[in-house]
Structures are given as structure tokens and as C-alpha cells.
């Protein structure tokens, strides 16, 4: 399972919020919440990074909610050297335990978050609160 985003979709609202297309993907047939789901991308990525931090500090359950709709994912497990279980929940999805490789998932979150953070800096959005928070949590993960 990987976290992916579309760089060309990034846009800043007048409110200061950064929107963009973000989704979870497994193989070529599973997309959650859907392929190119548009959401508050910086906030969602910060939540994924905080979930990684929590899992790596020994907490065995971390929930991440997509903010534009009733979709969420829960990551369960203490085996961050191998596989963890990921549940997805929302309309049209049965809550299911999907075994995912932690390292692959983690790498995709870090790469996606770093790319989005750098895109925000290049576009002059670095002083926005949520962008600064994403940068802080990324630095904390190393």
C-alpha cells in the first residue's frame, strides 16, 4: 500500500488551506478513497506522518482521517520491521484488514510528504501554519 499524490493538483484556497489529489493505492486495482481524491493534502499528510511517529514510538494503533468525506484508515501493529494491518473505512468500502509492508508504506508517506512540502515552499506557501507543521513532523521523523 502506497500513499500517492498528483503534483499538478496542488492549489491554495483563500482561507490558506492547501488542497490536492491524494489517495492510497495497492496494485493497479485498489484506490482509497478513490483515484485522485481531492482533499486538504497537507493536513492529511501531516496526520499520516504523526501516525508513523506514533507507531514507531510503540503505539499499536494509529488512525488517519481524510478530511473531505467520511473516509479513514487505521494502521494496527507493532511489527514495523515487517507487515502491519491497515483498515480502510468509508462508503463503498468494507472495513477489512489488509496486510501491508510497513517499509513500503512508510517510504511512500515520507516521499509524498517531502514532495508536497517542497512544492509548497516553491509556491510561496511556506508560512502557512499547516505547511510549517508538516515540515516539523517530517524533520522529527528524520
N, C-alpha and C. Protein backbone atom coordinates (compact mmCIF):
# COMPACT_ATOMS: atom_id res chain seq x y z
N UNK A 1 0.86 -1.18 0.00
CA UNK A 1 0.00 0.00 0.00
C UNK A 1 0.90 1.23 0.00
N UNK A 2 0.60 2.14 -0.89
CA UNK A 2 1.36 3.39 -1.00
C UNK A 2 0.43 4.59 -0.92
N UNK A 3 0.98 5.69 -0.43
CA UNK A 3 0.29 6.97 -0.48
C UNK A 3 0.83 7.72 -1.69
N UNK A 4 -0.06 8.18 -2.56
CA UNK A 4 0.34 8.88 -3.79
C UNK A 4 -0.39 10.21 -3.89
N UNK A 5 0.16 11.11 -4.70
CA UNK A 5 -0.49 12.39 -4.93
C UNK A 5 -0.18 12.86 -6.34
N UNK A 6 -0.95 13.86 -6.79
CA UNK A 6 -0.76 14.45 -8.11
C UNK A 6 -0.21 15.86 -7.93
N UNK A 7 1.07 16.09 -8.27
CA UNK A 7 1.69 17.41 -8.05
C UNK A 7 0.94 18.57 -8.71
N UNK A 8 0.41 18.34 -9.90
CA UNK A 8 -0.27 19.43 -10.63
C UNK A 8 -1.59 19.84 -9.99
N UNK A 9 -2.07 19.04 -9.05
CA UNK A 9 -3.37 19.34 -8.44
C UNK A 9 -3.28 20.31 -7.27
N UNK A 10 -2.08 20.60 -6.79
CA UNK A 10 -1.93 21.45 -5.60
C UNK A 10 -2.47 22.85 -5.86
N UNK A 11 -3.26 23.33 -4.90
CA UNK A 11 -3.85 24.65 -5.02
C UNK A 11 -4.09 25.20 -3.61
N UNK A 12 -3.92 26.49 -3.44
CA UNK A 12 -4.15 27.13 -2.15
C UNK A 12 -5.44 27.93 -2.20
N UNK A 13 -6.30 27.68 -1.23
CA UNK A 13 -7.56 28.42 -1.12
C UNK A 13 -7.30 29.78 -0.48
N UNK A 14 -8.24 30.68 -0.62
CA UNK A 14 -8.11 32.00 0.01
C UNK A 14 -8.00 31.87 1.52
N UNK A 15 -8.59 30.81 2.08
CA UNK A 15 -8.53 30.58 3.53
C UNK A 15 -7.12 30.20 3.99
N UNK A 16 -6.27 29.83 3.03
CA UNK A 16 -4.92 29.40 3.37
C UNK A 16 -4.73 27.90 3.28
N UNK A 17 -5.81 27.15 3.20
CA UNK A 17 -5.73 25.69 3.13
C UNK A 17 -5.14 25.26 1.79
N UNK A 18 -4.34 24.21 1.82
CA UNK A 18 -3.74 23.66 0.60
C UNK A 18 -4.49 22.38 0.24
N UNK A 19 -5.04 22.37 -0.96
CA UNK A 19 -5.79 21.24 -1.48
C UNK A 19 -4.95 20.52 -2.53
N UNK A 20 -5.21 19.23 -2.69
CA UNK A 20 -4.54 18.46 -3.73
C UNK A 20 -5.08 17.05 -3.77
N UNK A 21 -4.78 16.35 -4.85
CA UNK A 21 -5.23 14.98 -5.04
C UNK A 21 -4.31 14.03 -4.31
N UNK A 22 -4.87 13.21 -3.43
CA UNK A 22 -4.12 12.25 -2.62
C UNK A 22 -4.96 10.98 -2.48
N UNK A 23 -4.29 9.83 -2.51
CA UNK A 23 -5.02 8.57 -2.38
C UNK A 23 -4.06 7.48 -1.94
N UNK A 24 -4.65 6.41 -1.42
CA UNK A 24 -3.90 5.19 -1.14
C UNK A 24 -4.08 4.27 -2.34
N UNK A 25 -3.01 3.57 -2.69
CA UNK A 25 -3.10 2.65 -3.82
C UNK A 25 -2.37 1.37 -3.49
N UNK A 26 -3.02 0.26 -3.87
CA UNK A 26 -2.41 -1.06 -3.75
C UNK A 26 -2.58 -1.75 -5.10
N UNK A 27 -1.46 -2.04 -5.75
CA UNK A 27 -1.52 -2.64 -7.07
C UNK A 27 -2.13 -1.68 -8.07
N UNK A 28 -2.82 -2.24 -9.07
CA UNK A 28 -3.44 -1.41 -10.11
C UNK A 28 -4.95 -1.32 -9.97
N UNK A 29 -5.51 -1.96 -8.93
CA UNK A 29 -6.97 -2.03 -8.87
C UNK A 29 -7.57 -1.45 -7.59
N UNK A 30 -6.78 -1.16 -6.57
CA UNK A 30 -7.33 -0.67 -5.31
C UNK A 30 -6.90 0.77 -5.07
N UNK A 31 -7.90 1.66 -4.97
CA UNK A 31 -7.66 3.08 -4.70
C UNK A 31 -8.57 3.49 -3.54
N UNK A 32 -8.02 4.24 -2.59
CA UNK A 32 -8.82 4.69 -1.46
C UNK A 32 -8.48 6.13 -1.13
N UNK A 33 -9.44 7.02 -0.88
CA UNK A 33 -10.88 6.82 -1.06
C UNK A 33 -11.27 6.61 -2.52
N UNK A 34 -10.51 7.21 -3.43
CA UNK A 34 -10.65 6.95 -4.86
C UNK A 34 -9.41 7.53 -5.55
N UNK A 35 -9.19 7.12 -6.78
CA UNK A 35 -8.07 7.63 -7.55
C UNK A 35 -8.21 9.14 -7.66
N UNK A 36 -7.14 9.87 -7.30
CA UNK A 36 -7.08 11.33 -7.35
C UNK A 36 -8.17 11.99 -6.49
N UNK A 37 -8.30 11.50 -5.27
CA UNK A 37 -9.22 12.09 -4.29
C UNK A 37 -8.70 13.47 -3.89
N UNK A 38 -9.53 14.50 -4.01
CA UNK A 38 -9.11 15.86 -3.68
C UNK A 38 -9.44 16.16 -2.23
N UNK A 39 -8.44 16.58 -1.49
CA UNK A 39 -8.60 16.78 -0.05
C UNK A 39 -7.60 17.83 0.44
N UNK A 40 -7.65 18.12 1.71
CA UNK A 40 -6.70 19.01 2.36
C UNK A 40 -5.39 18.24 2.51
N UNK A 41 -4.61 18.22 1.46
CA UNK A 41 -3.48 17.31 1.32
C UNK A 41 -2.42 17.49 2.39
N UNK A 42 -2.10 18.72 2.76
CA UNK A 42 -1.06 18.95 3.76
C UNK A 42 -1.50 18.40 5.11
N UNK A 43 -2.77 18.62 5.47
CA UNK A 43 -3.28 18.12 6.73
C UNK A 43 -3.33 16.59 6.77
N UNK A 44 -3.76 15.99 5.66
CA UNK A 44 -3.82 14.52 5.60
C UNK A 44 -2.40 13.93 5.70
N UNK A 45 -1.45 14.51 5.00
CA UNK A 45 -0.08 14.02 5.07
C UNK A 45 0.52 14.20 6.46
N UNK A 46 0.22 15.32 7.11
CA UNK A 46 0.69 15.51 8.49
C UNK A 46 0.14 14.41 9.39
N UNK A 47 -1.14 14.08 9.21
CA UNK A 47 -1.75 13.01 10.01
C UNK A 47 -1.07 11.67 9.75
N UNK A 48 -0.73 11.38 8.49
CA UNK A 48 0.00 10.14 8.19
C UNK A 48 1.37 10.14 8.85
N UNK A 49 2.07 11.27 8.81
CA UNK A 49 3.39 11.36 9.45
C UNK A 49 3.29 11.19 10.96
N UNK A 50 2.29 11.77 11.57
CA UNK A 50 2.08 11.60 13.01
C UNK A 50 1.76 10.15 13.32
N UNK A 51 1.00 9.49 12.46
CA UNK A 51 0.72 8.07 12.65
C UNK A 51 2.01 7.25 12.62
N UNK A 52 2.91 7.57 11.69
CA UNK A 52 4.20 6.87 11.64
C UNK A 52 4.97 7.09 12.94
N UNK A 53 5.03 8.34 13.38
CA UNK A 53 5.74 8.67 14.62
C UNK A 53 5.16 7.87 15.79
N UNK A 54 3.84 7.82 15.88
CA UNK A 54 3.21 7.09 16.97
C UNK A 54 3.52 5.61 16.91
N UNK A 55 3.40 5.01 15.73
CA UNK A 55 3.70 3.58 15.57
C UNK A 55 5.15 3.29 15.93
N UNK A 56 6.05 4.16 15.54
CA UNK A 56 7.47 3.94 15.79
C UNK A 56 7.84 4.20 17.25
N UNK A 57 6.95 4.85 18.00
CA UNK A 57 7.21 5.04 19.42
C UNK A 57 6.54 3.97 20.27
N UNK A 58 5.91 2.98 19.63
CA UNK A 58 5.34 1.85 20.35
C UNK A 58 3.83 1.84 20.45
N UNK A 59 3.16 2.88 20.00
CA UNK A 59 1.69 2.87 19.98
C UNK A 59 1.26 1.91 18.87
N UNK A 60 0.30 1.03 19.18
CA UNK A 60 -0.03 -0.03 18.24
C UNK A 60 -1.22 0.27 17.34
N UNK A 61 -1.81 1.46 17.46
CA UNK A 61 -2.98 1.79 16.66
C UNK A 61 -2.92 3.26 16.30
N UNK A 62 -3.02 3.57 15.01
CA UNK A 62 -2.99 4.95 14.55
C UNK A 62 -4.07 5.14 13.49
N UNK A 63 -4.91 6.16 13.68
CA UNK A 63 -6.00 6.43 12.74
C UNK A 63 -5.73 7.72 11.99
N UNK A 64 -5.98 7.69 10.69
CA UNK A 64 -5.84 8.86 9.84
C UNK A 64 -7.16 9.05 9.10
N UNK A 65 -7.72 10.25 9.22
CA UNK A 65 -8.97 10.56 8.52
C UNK A 65 -8.69 11.45 7.33
N UNK A 66 -9.33 11.13 6.23
CA UNK A 66 -9.36 12.07 5.11
C UNK A 66 -10.37 13.13 5.53
N UNK A 67 -10.13 14.38 5.19
CA UNK A 67 -10.92 15.46 5.77
C UNK A 67 -12.11 15.87 4.93
N UNK A 68 -12.14 15.52 3.67
CA UNK A 68 -13.26 15.89 2.81
C UNK A 68 -14.12 14.66 2.54
N UNK A 69 -14.75 14.17 3.56
CA UNK A 69 -15.60 12.99 3.43
C UNK A 69 -15.41 12.04 4.58
N UNK A 70 -16.26 11.06 4.66
CA UNK A 70 -16.23 10.13 5.80
C UNK A 70 -15.30 8.94 5.57
N UNK A 71 -14.06 9.21 5.19
CA UNK A 71 -13.12 8.13 4.90
C UNK A 71 -11.97 8.17 5.91
N UNK A 72 -11.58 6.99 6.35
CA UNK A 72 -10.45 6.93 7.28
C UNK A 72 -9.72 5.60 7.10
N UNK A 73 -8.53 5.58 7.62
CA UNK A 73 -7.74 4.36 7.62
C UNK A 73 -7.12 4.21 9.01
N UNK A 74 -7.03 2.98 9.46
CA UNK A 74 -6.43 2.68 10.74
C UNK A 74 -5.28 1.71 10.50
N UNK A 75 -4.14 2.04 11.07
CA UNK A 75 -2.95 1.19 10.94
C UNK A 75 -2.74 0.52 12.29
N UNK A 76 -2.67 -0.79 12.27
CA UNK A 76 -2.56 -1.58 13.50
C UNK A 76 -1.32 -2.44 13.45
N UNK A 77 -0.56 -2.45 14.55
CA UNK A 77 0.52 -3.40 14.62
C UNK A 77 1.76 -2.84 15.26
N UNK A 78 2.53 -3.75 15.78
CA UNK A 78 3.79 -3.36 16.42
C UNK A 78 4.99 -3.85 15.62
N UNK A 79 4.74 -4.54 14.51
CA UNK A 79 5.83 -5.12 13.72
C UNK A 79 6.24 -4.16 12.61
N UNK A 80 6.80 -3.02 13.00
CA UNK A 80 7.16 -2.03 11.98
C UNK A 80 8.38 -2.45 11.16
N UNK A 81 8.99 -3.56 11.51
CA UNK A 81 10.09 -4.11 10.71
C UNK A 81 9.57 -5.01 9.60
N UNK A 82 8.28 -5.35 9.66
CA UNK A 82 7.69 -6.24 8.66
C UNK A 82 6.37 -5.69 8.16
N UNK A 83 5.30 -6.43 8.45
CA UNK A 83 3.97 -6.04 7.98
C UNK A 83 3.11 -5.53 9.12
N UNK A 84 2.21 -4.63 8.78
CA UNK A 84 1.20 -4.15 9.71
C UNK A 84 -0.15 -4.33 9.03
N UNK A 85 -1.21 -4.22 9.79
CA UNK A 85 -2.55 -4.31 9.23
C UNK A 85 -3.09 -2.91 9.00
N UNK A 86 -3.74 -2.71 7.87
CA UNK A 86 -4.36 -1.43 7.57
C UNK A 86 -5.83 -1.69 7.28
N UNK A 87 -6.69 -0.95 7.97
CA UNK A 87 -8.12 -1.00 7.71
C UNK A 87 -8.51 0.27 6.97
N UNK A 88 -9.41 0.16 6.02
CA UNK A 88 -9.96 1.33 5.36
C UNK A 88 -11.45 1.34 5.64
N UNK A 89 -12.01 2.53 5.81
CA UNK A 89 -13.41 2.63 6.16
C UNK A 89 -14.03 3.84 5.46
N UNK A 90 -15.20 3.64 4.90
CA UNK A 90 -15.94 4.70 4.25
C UNK A 90 -17.00 4.10 3.34
N UNK A 91 -17.91 4.93 2.86
CA UNK A 91 -18.96 4.43 1.97
C UNK A 91 -18.38 3.67 0.78
N UNK A 92 -18.91 2.49 0.55
CA UNK A 92 -18.46 1.67 -0.57
C UNK A 92 -17.28 0.78 -0.24
N UNK A 93 -16.77 0.86 1.00
CA UNK A 93 -15.64 0.02 1.40
C UNK A 93 -16.02 -0.79 2.63
N UNK A 94 -15.76 -2.07 2.57
CA UNK A 94 -15.91 -2.89 3.76
C UNK A 94 -14.65 -2.71 4.60
N UNK A 95 -14.85 -2.55 5.91
CA UNK A 95 -13.68 -2.48 6.78
C UNK A 95 -12.99 -3.83 6.68
N UNK A 96 -11.74 -3.80 6.30
CA UNK A 96 -11.01 -5.05 6.12
C UNK A 96 -9.58 -4.89 6.59
N UNK A 97 -9.04 -5.95 7.10
CA UNK A 97 -7.63 -5.96 7.47
C UNK A 97 -6.81 -6.27 6.23
N UNK A 98 -6.02 -5.31 5.80
CA UNK A 98 -5.13 -5.51 4.67
C UNK A 98 -3.72 -5.54 5.21
N UNK A 99 -3.02 -6.60 4.96
CA UNK A 99 -1.63 -6.69 5.41
C UNK A 99 -0.77 -5.88 4.45
N UNK A 100 -0.03 -4.91 5.00
CA UNK A 100 0.81 -4.06 4.15
C UNK A 100 2.24 -4.05 4.68
N UNK A 101 3.16 -3.92 3.77
CA UNK A 101 4.58 -3.83 4.13
C UNK A 101 4.83 -2.45 4.73
N UNK A 102 5.26 -2.41 6.00
CA UNK A 102 5.43 -1.14 6.69
C UNK A 102 6.46 -0.25 6.00
N UNK A 103 7.58 -0.82 5.59
CA UNK A 103 8.64 -0.02 4.98
C UNK A 103 8.18 0.64 3.68
N UNK A 104 7.44 -0.08 2.86
CA UNK A 104 6.93 0.47 1.60
C UNK A 104 5.95 1.59 1.89
N UNK A 105 5.03 1.35 2.83
CA UNK A 105 4.06 2.37 3.19
C UNK A 105 4.77 3.61 3.76
N UNK A 106 5.70 3.39 4.68
CA UNK A 106 6.42 4.50 5.31
C UNK A 106 7.18 5.32 4.27
N UNK A 107 7.91 4.64 3.40
CA UNK A 107 8.67 5.35 2.37
C UNK A 107 7.76 6.21 1.49
N UNK A 108 6.59 5.67 1.13
CA UNK A 108 5.69 6.44 0.26
C UNK A 108 5.15 7.67 1.00
N UNK A 109 4.89 7.55 2.29
CA UNK A 109 4.40 8.69 3.07
C UNK A 109 5.49 9.75 3.17
N UNK A 110 6.73 9.34 3.46
CA UNK A 110 7.83 10.29 3.60
C UNK A 110 8.11 11.00 2.27
N UNK A 111 8.18 10.24 1.19
CA UNK A 111 8.45 10.83 -0.13
C UNK A 111 7.32 11.79 -0.53
N UNK A 112 6.10 11.35 -0.40
CA UNK A 112 4.95 12.19 -0.77
C UNK A 112 4.92 13.45 0.08
N UNK A 113 5.12 13.31 1.39
CA UNK A 113 5.10 14.46 2.29
C UNK A 113 6.23 15.44 1.97
N UNK A 114 7.42 14.91 1.72
CA UNK A 114 8.56 15.77 1.37
C UNK A 114 8.33 16.51 0.06
N UNK A 115 7.77 15.80 -0.91
CA UNK A 115 7.49 16.44 -2.20
C UNK A 115 6.46 17.56 -2.06
N UNK A 116 5.38 17.27 -1.33
CA UNK A 116 4.34 18.28 -1.15
C UNK A 116 4.88 19.46 -0.36
N UNK A 117 5.65 19.20 0.68
CA UNK A 117 6.25 20.27 1.48
C UNK A 117 7.13 21.17 0.60
N UNK A 118 7.98 20.55 -0.21
CA UNK A 118 8.86 21.33 -1.09
C UNK A 118 8.08 22.09 -2.16
N UNK A 119 7.02 21.49 -2.69
CA UNK A 119 6.17 22.19 -3.65
C UNK A 119 5.54 23.42 -3.00
N UNK A 120 5.10 23.28 -1.76
CA UNK A 120 4.50 24.41 -1.04
C UNK A 120 5.53 25.53 -0.86
N UNK A 121 6.76 25.16 -0.50
CA UNK A 121 7.80 26.17 -0.33
C UNK A 121 8.06 26.90 -1.64
N UNK A 122 8.17 26.15 -2.75
CA UNK A 122 8.43 26.76 -4.05
C UNK A 122 7.31 27.70 -4.49
N UNK A 123 6.10 27.41 -4.06
CA UNK A 123 4.95 28.23 -4.46
C UNK A 123 4.70 29.40 -3.49
N UNK A 124 5.57 29.54 -2.49
CA UNK A 124 5.43 30.65 -1.56
C UNK A 124 4.42 30.42 -0.45
N UNK A 125 4.09 29.17 -0.17
CA UNK A 125 3.10 28.85 0.84
C UNK A 125 3.74 28.38 2.16
N UNK A 126 5.03 28.54 2.29
CA UNK A 126 5.76 28.01 3.45
C UNK A 126 5.39 28.63 4.78
N UNK A 127 4.81 29.82 4.80
CA UNK A 127 4.44 30.47 6.06
C UNK A 127 3.06 30.05 6.56
N UNK A 128 2.37 29.24 5.79
CA UNK A 128 1.04 28.77 6.23
C UNK A 128 1.22 27.76 7.36
N UNK A 129 0.38 27.87 8.37
CA UNK A 129 0.50 27.06 9.58
C UNK A 129 0.62 25.56 9.28
N UNK A 130 -0.28 25.04 8.44
CA UNK A 130 -0.27 23.60 8.20
C UNK A 130 0.98 23.16 7.43
N UNK A 131 1.53 24.02 6.60
CA UNK A 131 2.77 23.69 5.88
C UNK A 131 3.94 23.65 6.86
N UNK A 132 4.00 24.61 7.77
CA UNK A 132 5.06 24.60 8.79
C UNK A 132 4.96 23.36 9.67
N UNK A 133 3.72 22.97 10.01
CA UNK A 133 3.53 21.77 10.84
C UNK A 133 3.98 20.51 10.10
N UNK A 134 3.70 20.42 8.80
CA UNK A 134 4.17 19.27 8.02
C UNK A 134 5.70 19.22 8.03
N UNK A 135 6.34 20.36 7.85
CA UNK A 135 7.80 20.41 7.90
C UNK A 135 8.35 19.95 9.23
N UNK A 136 7.71 20.35 10.33
CA UNK A 136 8.16 19.95 11.66
C UNK A 136 8.04 18.45 11.88
N UNK A 137 6.91 17.88 11.50
CA UNK A 137 6.73 16.44 11.73
C UNK A 137 7.65 15.63 10.81
N UNK A 138 7.90 16.13 9.60
CA UNK A 138 8.84 15.45 8.70
C UNK A 138 10.25 15.44 9.30
N UNK A 139 10.69 16.58 9.81
CA UNK A 139 12.03 16.64 10.44
C UNK A 139 12.12 15.72 11.65
N UNK A 140 11.04 15.59 12.40
CA UNK A 140 11.03 14.71 13.57
C UNK A 140 11.17 13.24 13.18
N UNK A 141 10.67 12.89 12.00
CA UNK A 141 10.80 11.50 11.53
C UNK A 141 12.19 11.20 11.01
N UNK A 142 12.96 12.24 10.71
CA UNK A 142 14.33 12.04 10.24
C UNK A 142 14.40 11.81 8.81
